[in-house]
Protein backbone atom coordinates (compact mmCIF):
# COMPACT_ATOMS: atom_id res chain seq x y z
CA UNK A 1 0.00 0.00 0.00
CA UNK A 2 1.36 3.39 -1.02
CA UNK A 3 1.82 5.98 1.72
CA UNK A 4 -0.19 9.15 1.14
CA UNK A 5 1.57 12.50 1.15
CA UNK A 6 -1.20 15.00 1.95
CA UNK A 7 -0.83 18.69 1.21
CA UNK A 8 -2.68 21.39 3.06
CA UNK A 9 -4.77 23.75 0.95
CA UNK A 10 -6.96 26.62 2.11
CA UNK A 11 -9.32 28.63 -0.08
CA UNK A 12 -11.16 31.66 1.22
CA UNK A 13 -13.52 34.12 -0.42
CA UNK A 14 -16.06 36.81 0.34
CA UNK A 15 -19.68 36.03 -0.43
CA UNK A 16 -23.13 37.50 0.05
CA UNK A 17 -26.19 35.24 0.24
CA UNK A 18 -24.20 32.33 -1.21
CA UNK A 19 -22.96 34.43 -4.15
CA UNK A 20 -19.26 34.95 -4.68
CA UNK A 21 -18.24 38.58 -4.17
CA UNK A 22 -14.44 38.33 -4.23
CA UNK A 23 -12.12 35.36 -4.21
CA UNK A 24 -8.92 33.79 -5.47
CA UNK A 25 -9.73 34.10 -9.18
CA UNK A 26 -10.40 37.82 -9.05
CA UNK A 27 -7.40 38.34 -6.78
CA UNK A 28 -5.17 36.52 -9.26
CA UNK A 29 -6.52 38.62 -12.13
CA UNK A 30 -6.06 41.91 -10.27
CA UNK A 31 -2.53 40.96 -9.17
CA UNK A 32 -1.62 40.16 -12.77
CA UNK A 33 -3.07 43.48 -13.97
CA UNK A 34 -0.86 45.16 -11.35
CA UNK A 35 2.21 43.17 -12.48
CA UNK A 36 1.74 43.50 -16.22
CA UNK A 37 0.39 47.05 -16.22
CA UNK A 38 -2.67 46.23 -18.35
CA UNK A 39 -5.71 44.02 -18.59
CA UNK A 40 -4.61 42.70 -21.99
CA UNK A 41 -1.20 41.75 -20.59
CA UNK A 42 -2.83 40.10 -17.60
CA UNK A 43 -5.18 37.94 -19.66
CA UNK A 44 -2.37 36.97 -22.01
CA UNK A 45 -0.20 35.87 -19.05
CA UNK A 46 -3.09 33.98 -17.42
CA UNK A 47 -4.37 32.39 -20.63
CA UNK A 48 -7.83 33.94 -20.22
CA UNK A 49 -10.07 35.60 -22.73
CA UNK A 50 -10.26 39.37 -22.50
CA UNK A 51 -14.05 39.24 -22.59
CA UNK A 52 -14.29 36.75 -19.70
CA UNK A 53 -11.84 38.75 -17.57
CA UNK A 54 -13.58 42.05 -18.29
CA UNK A 55 -16.99 40.53 -17.50
CA UNK A 56 -15.72 39.12 -14.22
CA UNK A 57 -14.23 42.44 -13.15
CA UNK A 58 -17.40 44.32 -14.05
CA UNK A 59 -19.55 41.84 -12.11
CA UNK A 60 -17.37 42.16 -9.00
CA UNK A 61 -17.36 45.96 -9.32
CA UNK A 62 -21.15 45.96 -9.58
CA UNK A 63 -21.51 43.66 -6.55
CA UNK A 64 -19.14 45.76 -4.44
CA UNK A 65 -20.26 49.16 -5.73
CA UNK A 66 -16.60 50.09 -6.31
CA UNK A 67 -14.30 50.47 -9.30
CA UNK A 68 -11.44 47.98 -9.16
CA UNK A 69 -9.74 49.11 -12.37
CA UNK A 70 -9.34 52.51 -14.02
CA UNK A 71 -8.64 53.50 -17.60
CA UNK A 72 -5.11 54.74 -18.20
CA UNK A 73 -3.56 56.56 -21.12
CA UNK A 74 -6.63 57.23 -23.26
CA UNK A 75 -8.28 54.78 -25.66
CA UNK A 76 -5.17 52.71 -26.33
CA UNK A 77 -3.71 52.86 -22.81
CA UNK A 78 -5.59 50.04 -21.12
CA UNK A 79 -6.43 49.59 -17.45
CA UNK A 80 -4.67 49.58 -14.11
CA UNK A 81 -5.90 49.00 -10.57
CA UNK A 82 -7.81 51.78 -8.88
CA UNK A 83 -6.74 52.78 -5.37
CA UNK A 84 -9.77 50.87 -4.07
CA UNK A 85 -8.90 47.83 -6.19
CA UNK A 86 -5.33 47.79 -4.85
CA UNK A 87 -6.55 48.15 -1.24
CA UNK A 88 -9.02 45.29 -1.69
CA UNK A 89 -6.39 43.07 -3.30
CA UNK A 90 -3.81 43.75 -0.59
CA UNK A 91 -6.38 43.20 2.19
CA UNK A 92 -7.50 39.91 0.63
CA UNK A 93 -3.92 38.69 0.21
CA UNK A 94 -3.05 39.62 3.82
CA UNK A 95 -6.15 37.79 5.06
CA UNK A 96 -5.30 34.74 2.93
CA UNK A 97 -1.71 34.62 4.24
CA UNK A 98 -2.89 34.91 7.86
CA UNK A 99 -5.50 32.17 7.42
CA UNK A 100 -3.01 29.89 5.65
CA UNK A 101 -0.32 30.45 8.29
CA UNK A 102 -2.73 29.72 11.14
CA UNK A 103 -4.24 26.73 9.36
CA UNK A 104 -0.80 25.28 8.57
CA UNK A 105 0.35 25.71 12.17
CA UNK A 106 -2.76 23.97 13.52
CA UNK A 107 -2.59 21.22 10.91
CA UNK A 108 1.05 20.61 11.87
CA UNK A 109 -0.03 20.13 15.48
CA UNK A 110 -2.95 17.86 14.58
CA UNK A 111 -1.32 15.90 11.75
CA UNK A 112 2.45 16.09 12.34
CA UNK A 113 2.97 12.87 10.42
CA UNK A 114 1.34 14.05 7.22
CA UNK A 115 1.00 17.75 6.61
CA UNK A 116 3.14 19.77 4.23
CA UNK A 117 2.49 22.90 2.25
C-alpha atoms as a PDB file:
ATOM      1  CA  UNK A   1       0.000   0.000   0.000  1.00  0.00           C
ATOM      2  CA  UNK A   2       1.363   3.391  -1.025  1.00  0.00           C
ATOM      3  CA  UNK A   3       1.821   5.981   1.716  1.00  0.00           C
ATOM      4  CA  UNK A   4      -0.191   9.154   1.138  1.00  0.00           C
ATOM      5  CA  UNK A   5       1.567  12.497   1.155  1.00  0.00           C
ATOM      6  CA  UNK A   6      -1.202  15.005   1.953  1.00  0.00           C
ATOM      7  CA  UNK A   7      -0.830  18.688   1.209  1.00  0.00           C
ATOM      8  CA  UNK A   8      -2.679  21.387   3.059  1.00  0.00           C
ATOM      9  CA  UNK A   9      -4.774  23.753   0.953  1.00  0.00           C
ATOM     10  CA  UNK A  10      -6.964  26.624   2.107  1.00  0.00           C
ATOM     11  CA  UNK A  11      -9.324  28.631  -0.076  1.00  0.00           C
ATOM     12  CA  UNK A  12     -11.159  31.659   1.220  1.00  0.00           C
ATOM     13  CA  UNK A  13     -13.524  34.116  -0.422  1.00  0.00           C
ATOM     14  CA  UNK A  14     -16.061  36.813   0.339  1.00  0.00           C
ATOM     15  CA  UNK A  15     -19.677  36.032  -0.434  1.00  0.00           C
ATOM     16  CA  UNK A  16     -23.131  37.501   0.051  1.00  0.00           C
ATOM     17  CA  UNK A  17     -26.192  35.243   0.245  1.00  0.00           C
ATOM     18  CA  UNK A  18     -24.197  32.327  -1.206  1.00  0.00           C
ATOM     19  CA  UNK A  19     -22.957  34.426  -4.149  1.00  0.00           C
ATOM     20  CA  UNK A  20     -19.255  34.954  -4.678  1.00  0.00           C
ATOM     21  CA  UNK A  21     -18.242  38.578  -4.173  1.00  0.00           C
ATOM     22  CA  UNK A  22     -14.439  38.333  -4.230  1.00  0.00           C
ATOM     23  CA  UNK A  23     -12.122  35.355  -4.210  1.00  0.00           C
ATOM     24  CA  UNK A  24      -8.919  33.795  -5.468  1.00  0.00           C
ATOM     25  CA  UNK A  25      -9.733  34.095  -9.182  1.00  0.00           C
ATOM     26  CA  UNK A  26     -10.401  37.817  -9.049  1.00  0.00           C
ATOM     27  CA  UNK A  27      -7.399  38.340  -6.779  1.00  0.00           C
ATOM     28  CA  UNK A  28      -5.169  36.517  -9.262  1.00  0.00           C
ATOM     29  CA  UNK A  29      -6.524  38.620 -12.134  1.00  0.00           C
ATOM     30  CA  UNK A  30      -6.065  41.912 -10.269  1.00  0.00           C
ATOM     31  CA  UNK A  31      -2.533  40.957  -9.171  1.00  0.00           C
ATOM     32  CA  UNK A  32      -1.623  40.157 -12.770  1.00  0.00           C
ATOM     33  CA  UNK A  33      -3.071  43.483 -13.969  1.00  0.00           C
ATOM     34  CA  UNK A  34      -0.861  45.162 -11.354  1.00  0.00           C
ATOM     35  CA  UNK A  35       2.210  43.168 -12.477  1.00  0.00           C
ATOM     36  CA  UNK A  36       1.739  43.501 -16.221  1.00  0.00           C
ATOM     37  CA  UNK A  37       0.387  47.054 -16.223  1.00  0.00           C
ATOM     38  CA  UNK A  38      -2.667  46.231 -18.345  1.00  0.00           C
ATOM     39  CA  UNK A  39      -5.713  44.015 -18.594  1.00  0.00           C
ATOM     40  CA  UNK A  40      -4.610  42.700 -21.990  1.00  0.00           C
ATOM     41  CA  UNK A  41      -1.202  41.751 -20.592  1.00  0.00           C
ATOM     42  CA  UNK A  42      -2.834  40.095 -17.602  1.00  0.00           C
ATOM     43  CA  UNK A  43      -5.185  37.937 -19.657  1.00  0.00           C
ATOM     44  CA  UNK A  44      -2.374  36.973 -22.011  1.00  0.00           C
ATOM     45  CA  UNK A  45      -0.204  35.867 -19.055  1.00  0.00           C
ATOM     46  CA  UNK A  46      -3.089  33.981 -17.425  1.00  0.00           C
ATOM     47  CA  UNK A  47      -4.374  32.385 -20.631  1.00  0.00           C
ATOM     48  CA  UNK A  48      -7.829  33.938 -20.223  1.00  0.00           C
ATOM     49  CA  UNK A  49     -10.070  35.603 -22.730  1.00  0.00           C
ATOM     50  CA  UNK A  50     -10.257  39.370 -22.500  1.00  0.00           C
ATOM     51  CA  UNK A  51     -14.049  39.237 -22.589  1.00  0.00           C
ATOM     52  CA  UNK A  52     -14.292  36.750 -19.695  1.00  0.00           C
ATOM     53  CA  UNK A  53     -11.845  38.748 -17.565  1.00  0.00           C
ATOM     54  CA  UNK A  54     -13.583  42.050 -18.289  1.00  0.00           C
ATOM     55  CA  UNK A  55     -16.990  40.528 -17.504  1.00  0.00           C
ATOM     56  CA  UNK A  56     -15.717  39.119 -14.221  1.00  0.00           C
ATOM     57  CA  UNK A  57     -14.227  42.437 -13.153  1.00  0.00           C
ATOM     58  CA  UNK A  58     -17.405  44.325 -14.047  1.00  0.00           C
ATOM     59  CA  UNK A  59     -19.554  41.841 -12.113  1.00  0.00           C
ATOM     60  CA  UNK A  60     -17.373  42.160  -9.001  1.00  0.00           C
ATOM     61  CA  UNK A  61     -17.356  45.963  -9.318  1.00  0.00           C
ATOM     62  CA  UNK A  62     -21.151  45.962  -9.576  1.00  0.00           C
ATOM     63  CA  UNK A  63     -21.514  43.661  -6.550  1.00  0.00           C
ATOM     64  CA  UNK A  64     -19.135  45.760  -4.444  1.00  0.00           C
ATOM     65  CA  UNK A  65     -20.260  49.162  -5.734  1.00  0.00           C
ATOM     66  CA  UNK A  66     -16.598  50.089  -6.310  1.00  0.00           C
ATOM     67  CA  UNK A  67     -14.301  50.474  -9.297  1.00  0.00           C
ATOM     68  CA  UNK A  68     -11.444  47.979  -9.160  1.00  0.00           C
ATOM     69  CA  UNK A  69      -9.736  49.113 -12.366  1.00  0.00           C
ATOM     70  CA  UNK A  70      -9.341  52.509 -14.025  1.00  0.00           C
ATOM     71  CA  UNK A  71      -8.643  53.503 -17.602  1.00  0.00           C
ATOM     72  CA  UNK A  72      -5.106  54.738 -18.200  1.00  0.00           C
ATOM     73  CA  UNK A  73      -3.558  56.560 -21.116  1.00  0.00           C
ATOM     74  CA  UNK A  74      -6.634  57.234 -23.256  1.00  0.00           C
ATOM     75  CA  UNK A  75      -8.283  54.781 -25.661  1.00  0.00           C
ATOM     76  CA  UNK A  76      -5.168  52.714 -26.328  1.00  0.00           C
ATOM     77  CA  UNK A  77      -3.710  52.859 -22.812  1.00  0.00           C
ATOM     78  CA  UNK A  78      -5.588  50.044 -21.123  1.00  0.00           C
ATOM     79  CA  UNK A  79      -6.425  49.586 -17.447  1.00  0.00           C
ATOM     80  CA  UNK A  80      -4.670  49.578 -14.107  1.00  0.00           C
ATOM     81  CA  UNK A  81      -5.902  49.000 -10.571  1.00  0.00           C
ATOM     82  CA  UNK A  82      -7.805  51.776  -8.878  1.00  0.00           C
ATOM     83  CA  UNK A  83      -6.738  52.782  -5.372  1.00  0.00           C
ATOM     84  CA  UNK A  84      -9.769  50.874  -4.067  1.00  0.00           C
ATOM     85  CA  UNK A  85      -8.896  47.829  -6.193  1.00  0.00           C
ATOM     86  CA  UNK A  86      -5.334  47.793  -4.854  1.00  0.00           C
ATOM     87  CA  UNK A  87      -6.554  48.147  -1.239  1.00  0.00           C
ATOM     88  CA  UNK A  88      -9.025  45.292  -1.688  1.00  0.00           C
ATOM     89  CA  UNK A  89      -6.395  43.065  -3.297  1.00  0.00           C
ATOM     90  CA  UNK A  90      -3.813  43.747  -0.593  1.00  0.00           C
ATOM     91  CA  UNK A  91      -6.377  43.203   2.191  1.00  0.00           C
ATOM     92  CA  UNK A  92      -7.505  39.911   0.634  1.00  0.00           C
ATOM     93  CA  UNK A  93      -3.917  38.689   0.208  1.00  0.00           C
ATOM     94  CA  UNK A  94      -3.053  39.621   3.820  1.00  0.00           C
ATOM     95  CA  UNK A  95      -6.154  37.791   5.058  1.00  0.00           C
ATOM     96  CA  UNK A  96      -5.296  34.736   2.930  1.00  0.00           C
ATOM     97  CA  UNK A  97      -1.707  34.623   4.243  1.00  0.00           C
ATOM     98  CA  UNK A  98      -2.892  34.909   7.864  1.00  0.00           C
ATOM     99  CA  UNK A  99      -5.499  32.170   7.419  1.00  0.00           C
ATOM    100  CA  UNK A 100      -3.014  29.888   5.649  1.00  0.00           C
ATOM    101  CA  UNK A 101      -0.317  30.451   8.292  1.00  0.00           C
ATOM    102  CA  UNK A 102      -2.729  29.719  11.141  1.00  0.00           C
ATOM    103  CA  UNK A 103      -4.238  26.726   9.364  1.00  0.00           C
ATOM    104  CA  UNK A 104      -0.804  25.282   8.568  1.00  0.00           C
ATOM    105  CA  UNK A 105       0.348  25.711  12.168  1.00  0.00           C
ATOM    106  CA  UNK A 106      -2.760  23.970  13.524  1.00  0.00           C
ATOM    107  CA  UNK A 107      -2.586  21.219  10.907  1.00  0.00           C
ATOM    108  CA  UNK A 108       1.046  20.611  11.868  1.00  0.00           C
ATOM    109  CA  UNK A 109      -0.032  20.129  15.479  1.00  0.00           C
ATOM    110  CA  UNK A 110      -2.950  17.856  14.581  1.00  0.00           C
ATOM    111  CA  UNK A 111      -1.325  15.899  11.745  1.00  0.00           C
ATOM    112  CA  UNK A 112       2.451  16.094  12.343  1.00  0.00           C
ATOM    113  CA  UNK A 113       2.971  12.872  10.416  1.00  0.00           C
ATOM    114  CA  UNK A 114       1.341  14.047   7.217  1.00  0.00           C
ATOM    115  CA  UNK A 115       1.002  17.746   6.607  1.00  0.00           C
ATOM    116  CA  UNK A 116       3.144  19.767   4.234  1.00  0.00           C
ATOM    117  CA  UNK A 117       2.491  22.900   2.247  1.00  0.00           C
END
